Amino acid sequence: MKVNLLVHRIRRLYTLDPCSEGLGEALDQSVAFSDGKLAWIGSAEDAPEADRVVDGRGFSPCVQRAAPVSSWVVLVAFFSSC
């Protein structure tokens, strides 16, 4: 899979998954977009190839999944981790 944009190596990603403890914190993650839509979320080690890569180490994004839909549907916000 090749995507248009990859926000790579996000230190902390908050999924807000109600099935996870706390805020659903995941470490060293990447988020990919294709044609303006969220295409992939997962470990930075497994990230797909992308036309453009943004260093995500300065961000702490929050991604919300709408239950019971099985796909990730809303990127809520990017917050500076400073």
N, C-alpha and C. Protein backbone atom coordinates (compact mmCIF):
# COMPACT_ATOMS: atom_id res chain seq x y z
N MET A 1 0.83 -1.17 0.00
CA MET A 1 0.00 0.00 0.00
C MET A 1 0.88 1.24 0.00
N LYS A 2 0.58 2.19 -0.86
CA LYS A 2 1.27 3.47 -0.86
C LYS A 2 0.22 4.55 -0.62
N VAL A 3 0.52 5.48 0.28
CA VAL A 3 -0.43 6.53 0.65
C VAL A 3 0.13 7.90 0.26
N ASN A 4 -0.73 8.92 0.32
CA ASN A 4 -0.31 10.27 -0.03
C ASN A 4 0.50 10.93 1.08
N LEU A 5 0.06 10.76 2.33
CA LEU A 5 0.68 11.43 3.46
C LEU A 5 0.82 10.48 4.64
N LEU A 6 1.99 10.51 5.26
CA LEU A 6 2.24 9.69 6.45
C LEU A 6 2.77 10.60 7.55
N VAL A 7 2.06 10.65 8.68
CA VAL A 7 2.57 11.32 9.87
C VAL A 7 3.26 10.22 10.65
N HIS A 8 4.59 10.27 10.67
CA HIS A 8 5.41 9.13 11.08
C HIS A 8 6.08 9.35 12.44
N ARG A 9 6.15 8.28 13.20
CA ARG A 9 6.85 8.23 14.50
C ARG A 9 6.23 9.16 15.54
N ILE A 10 4.91 9.12 15.66
CA ILE A 10 4.21 9.88 16.69
C ILE A 10 4.54 9.23 18.03
N ARG A 11 5.06 10.01 18.96
CA ARG A 11 5.49 9.45 20.25
C ARG A 11 4.32 8.83 21.01
N ARG A 12 3.21 9.55 21.09
CA ARG A 12 2.03 9.06 21.80
C ARG A 12 0.79 9.33 20.95
N LEU A 13 0.02 8.29 20.70
CA LEU A 13 -1.23 8.41 19.97
C LEU A 13 -2.35 8.00 20.92
N TYR A 14 -3.36 8.85 21.08
CA TYR A 14 -4.49 8.55 21.95
C TYR A 14 -5.68 8.15 21.10
N THR A 15 -6.12 6.91 21.24
CA THR A 15 -7.19 6.39 20.40
C THR A 15 -8.58 6.68 20.95
N LEU A 16 -8.68 6.98 22.24
CA LEU A 16 -9.97 7.18 22.91
C LEU A 16 -10.88 5.97 22.76
N ASP A 17 -10.28 4.81 22.57
CA ASP A 17 -11.03 3.56 22.42
C ASP A 17 -11.63 3.19 23.77
N PRO A 18 -12.98 3.07 23.85
CA PRO A 18 -13.61 2.76 25.14
C PRO A 18 -13.24 1.37 25.67
N CYS A 19 -12.70 0.51 24.81
CA CYS A 19 -12.29 -0.83 25.25
C CYS A 19 -10.86 -0.84 25.79
N SER A 20 -10.16 0.29 25.66
CA SER A 20 -8.79 0.39 26.15
C SER A 20 -8.77 1.10 27.50
N GLU A 21 -7.74 0.83 28.26
CA GLU A 21 -7.57 1.49 29.54
C GLU A 21 -7.17 2.95 29.32
N GLY A 22 -7.67 3.84 30.16
CA GLY A 22 -7.31 5.25 30.05
C GLY A 22 -7.78 5.84 28.73
N LEU A 23 -6.88 6.54 28.07
CA LEU A 23 -7.20 7.19 26.80
C LEU A 23 -6.81 6.35 25.59
N GLY A 24 -6.42 5.10 25.82
CA GLY A 24 -6.00 4.24 24.71
C GLY A 24 -4.66 4.67 24.14
N GLU A 25 -3.73 4.99 25.03
CA GLU A 25 -2.42 5.47 24.60
C GLU A 25 -1.63 4.38 23.88
N ALA A 26 -1.08 4.73 22.72
CA ALA A 26 -0.21 3.83 21.96
C ALA A 26 1.06 4.61 21.65
N LEU A 27 2.21 3.96 21.80
CA LEU A 27 3.50 4.62 21.61
C LEU A 27 4.10 4.30 20.24
N ASP A 28 4.87 5.25 19.69
CA ASP A 28 5.59 5.12 18.43
C ASP A 28 4.68 4.62 17.31
N GLN A 29 3.71 5.45 16.97
CA GLN A 29 2.71 5.10 15.97
C GLN A 29 2.85 5.99 14.74
N SER A 30 2.17 5.60 13.68
CA SER A 30 2.09 6.40 12.46
C SER A 30 0.65 6.42 11.99
N VAL A 31 0.28 7.50 11.30
CA VAL A 31 -1.07 7.67 10.76
C VAL A 31 -0.92 8.03 9.29
N ALA A 32 -1.64 7.32 8.42
CA ALA A 32 -1.52 7.54 6.98
C ALA A 32 -2.85 8.01 6.38
N PHE A 33 -2.73 8.88 5.37
CA PHE A 33 -3.89 9.41 4.67
C PHE A 33 -3.73 9.16 3.18
N SER A 34 -4.85 8.88 2.52
CA SER A 34 -4.84 8.69 1.08
C SER A 34 -6.07 9.38 0.51
N ASP A 35 -5.87 10.23 -0.47
CA ASP A 35 -6.96 10.98 -1.10
C ASP A 35 -7.79 11.74 -0.07
N GLY A 36 -7.12 12.32 0.94
CA GLY A 36 -7.79 13.13 1.94
C GLY A 36 -8.53 12.36 3.01
N LYS A 37 -8.39 11.04 3.02
CA LYS A 37 -9.09 10.22 4.01
C LYS A 37 -8.09 9.42 4.83
N LEU A 38 -8.45 9.17 6.07
CA LEU A 38 -7.64 8.34 6.93
C LEU A 38 -7.58 6.94 6.34
N ALA A 39 -6.36 6.43 6.10
CA ALA A 39 -6.20 5.15 5.42
C ALA A 39 -5.60 4.07 6.31
N TRP A 40 -4.81 4.47 7.32
CA TRP A 40 -4.10 3.46 8.10
C TRP A 40 -3.61 4.07 9.40
N ILE A 41 -3.63 3.29 10.47
CA ILE A 41 -3.06 3.65 11.77
C ILE A 41 -2.36 2.42 12.31
N GLY A 42 -1.15 2.59 12.82
CA GLY A 42 -0.46 1.44 13.39
C GLY A 42 0.95 1.77 13.82
N SER A 43 1.68 0.73 14.16
CA SER A 43 3.05 0.85 14.61
C SER A 43 3.91 1.52 13.54
N ALA A 44 4.80 2.42 13.97
CA ALA A 44 5.68 3.10 13.02
C ALA A 44 6.53 2.12 12.23
N GLU A 45 6.87 1.00 12.84
CA GLU A 45 7.68 -0.01 12.15
C GLU A 45 6.95 -0.61 10.96
N ASP A 46 5.62 -0.62 10.99
CA ASP A 46 4.82 -1.23 9.93
C ASP A 46 4.22 -0.22 8.97
N ALA A 47 4.65 1.03 9.05
CA ALA A 47 4.05 2.11 8.25
C ALA A 47 4.21 1.86 6.76
N PRO A 48 3.18 2.22 5.99
CA PRO A 48 3.27 2.07 4.53
C PRO A 48 4.16 3.15 3.91
N GLU A 49 4.52 2.95 2.66
CA GLU A 49 5.27 3.96 1.91
C GLU A 49 4.34 5.13 1.63
N ALA A 50 4.92 6.33 1.53
CA ALA A 50 4.10 7.52 1.31
C ALA A 50 4.80 8.49 0.36
N ASP A 51 3.98 9.27 -0.35
CA ASP A 51 4.51 10.32 -1.22
C ASP A 51 5.14 11.43 -0.38
N ARG A 52 4.53 11.73 0.77
CA ARG A 52 5.03 12.77 1.67
C ARG A 52 5.04 12.23 3.09
N VAL A 53 6.14 12.44 3.80
CA VAL A 53 6.27 11.99 5.18
C VAL A 53 6.51 13.19 6.08
N VAL A 54 5.71 13.29 7.14
CA VAL A 54 5.85 14.35 8.14
C VAL A 54 6.35 13.70 9.42
N ASP A 55 7.37 14.31 10.01
CA ASP A 55 7.92 13.81 11.27
C ASP A 55 6.91 14.10 12.37
N GLY A 56 6.34 13.05 12.95
CA GLY A 56 5.29 13.20 13.95
C GLY A 56 5.79 13.23 15.38
N ARG A 57 7.08 13.27 15.59
CA ARG A 57 7.60 13.22 16.96
C ARG A 57 7.23 14.45 17.78
N GLY A 58 6.83 15.55 17.15
CA GLY A 58 6.44 16.74 17.89
C GLY A 58 4.95 16.86 18.12
N PHE A 59 4.18 15.82 17.77
CA PHE A 59 2.73 15.85 17.90
C PHE A 59 2.24 14.78 18.86
N SER A 60 1.09 15.04 19.48
CA SER A 60 0.37 14.04 20.25
C SER A 60 -1.06 14.04 19.74
N PRO A 61 -1.33 13.34 18.63
CA PRO A 61 -2.67 13.36 18.07
C PRO A 61 -3.64 12.49 18.85
N CYS A 62 -4.89 12.80 18.64
CA CYS A 62 -5.97 12.08 19.28
C CYS A 62 -6.85 11.55 18.16
N VAL A 63 -7.04 10.25 18.08
CA VAL A 63 -7.84 9.65 17.03
C VAL A 63 -8.99 8.91 17.67
N GLN A 64 -10.20 9.14 17.16
CA GLN A 64 -11.38 8.52 17.75
C GLN A 64 -12.02 7.56 16.77
N ARG A 65 -12.41 6.40 17.29
CA ARG A 65 -13.10 5.40 16.48
C ARG A 65 -14.56 5.40 16.87
N ALA A 66 -15.43 5.46 15.89
CA ALA A 66 -16.86 5.46 16.17
C ALA A 66 -17.36 4.03 16.27
N ALA A 67 -17.73 3.60 17.45
CA ALA A 67 -18.25 2.25 17.65
C ALA A 67 -19.68 2.22 17.14
N PRO A 68 -20.17 1.13 16.59
CA PRO A 68 -19.51 -0.15 16.39
C PRO A 68 -18.80 -0.27 15.06
N VAL A 69 -18.57 0.82 14.35
CA VAL A 69 -17.87 0.78 13.07
C VAL A 69 -16.45 0.25 13.30
N SER A 70 -15.99 -0.64 12.45
CA SER A 70 -14.70 -1.28 12.67
C SER A 70 -13.53 -0.47 12.11
N SER A 71 -13.80 0.59 11.38
CA SER A 71 -12.69 1.37 10.82
C SER A 71 -12.54 2.68 11.58
N TRP A 72 -11.36 3.26 11.50
CA TRP A 72 -11.10 4.54 12.14
C TRP A 72 -11.71 5.62 11.28
N VAL A 73 -12.52 6.49 11.88
CA VAL A 73 -13.26 7.41 11.05
C VAL A 73 -13.00 8.90 11.31
N VAL A 74 -12.51 9.27 12.46
CA VAL A 74 -12.36 10.70 12.75
C VAL A 74 -10.99 10.98 13.34
N LEU A 75 -10.28 11.93 12.75
CA LEU A 75 -9.05 12.43 13.35
C LEU A 75 -9.46 13.67 14.11
N VAL A 76 -9.36 13.62 15.43
CA VAL A 76 -9.91 14.68 16.26
C VAL A 76 -9.03 15.92 16.25
N ALA A 77 -7.75 15.80 16.63
CA ALA A 77 -6.91 17.00 16.74
C ALA A 77 -5.45 16.64 16.88
N PHE A 78 -4.60 17.59 16.55
CA PHE A 78 -3.17 17.48 16.82
C PHE A 78 -2.84 18.50 17.89
N PHE A 79 -2.15 18.05 18.93
CA PHE A 79 -1.73 18.94 20.00
C PHE A 79 -0.23 18.90 20.11
N SER A 80 0.39 20.02 20.34
CA SER A 80 1.83 20.07 20.56
C SER A 80 2.15 19.35 21.84
N SER A 81 3.21 18.56 21.84
CA SER A 81 3.61 17.84 23.04
C SER A 81 4.60 18.63 23.87
N CYS A 82 4.86 19.90 23.53
CA CYS A 82 5.80 20.73 24.26
C CYS A 82 5.29 21.09 25.64
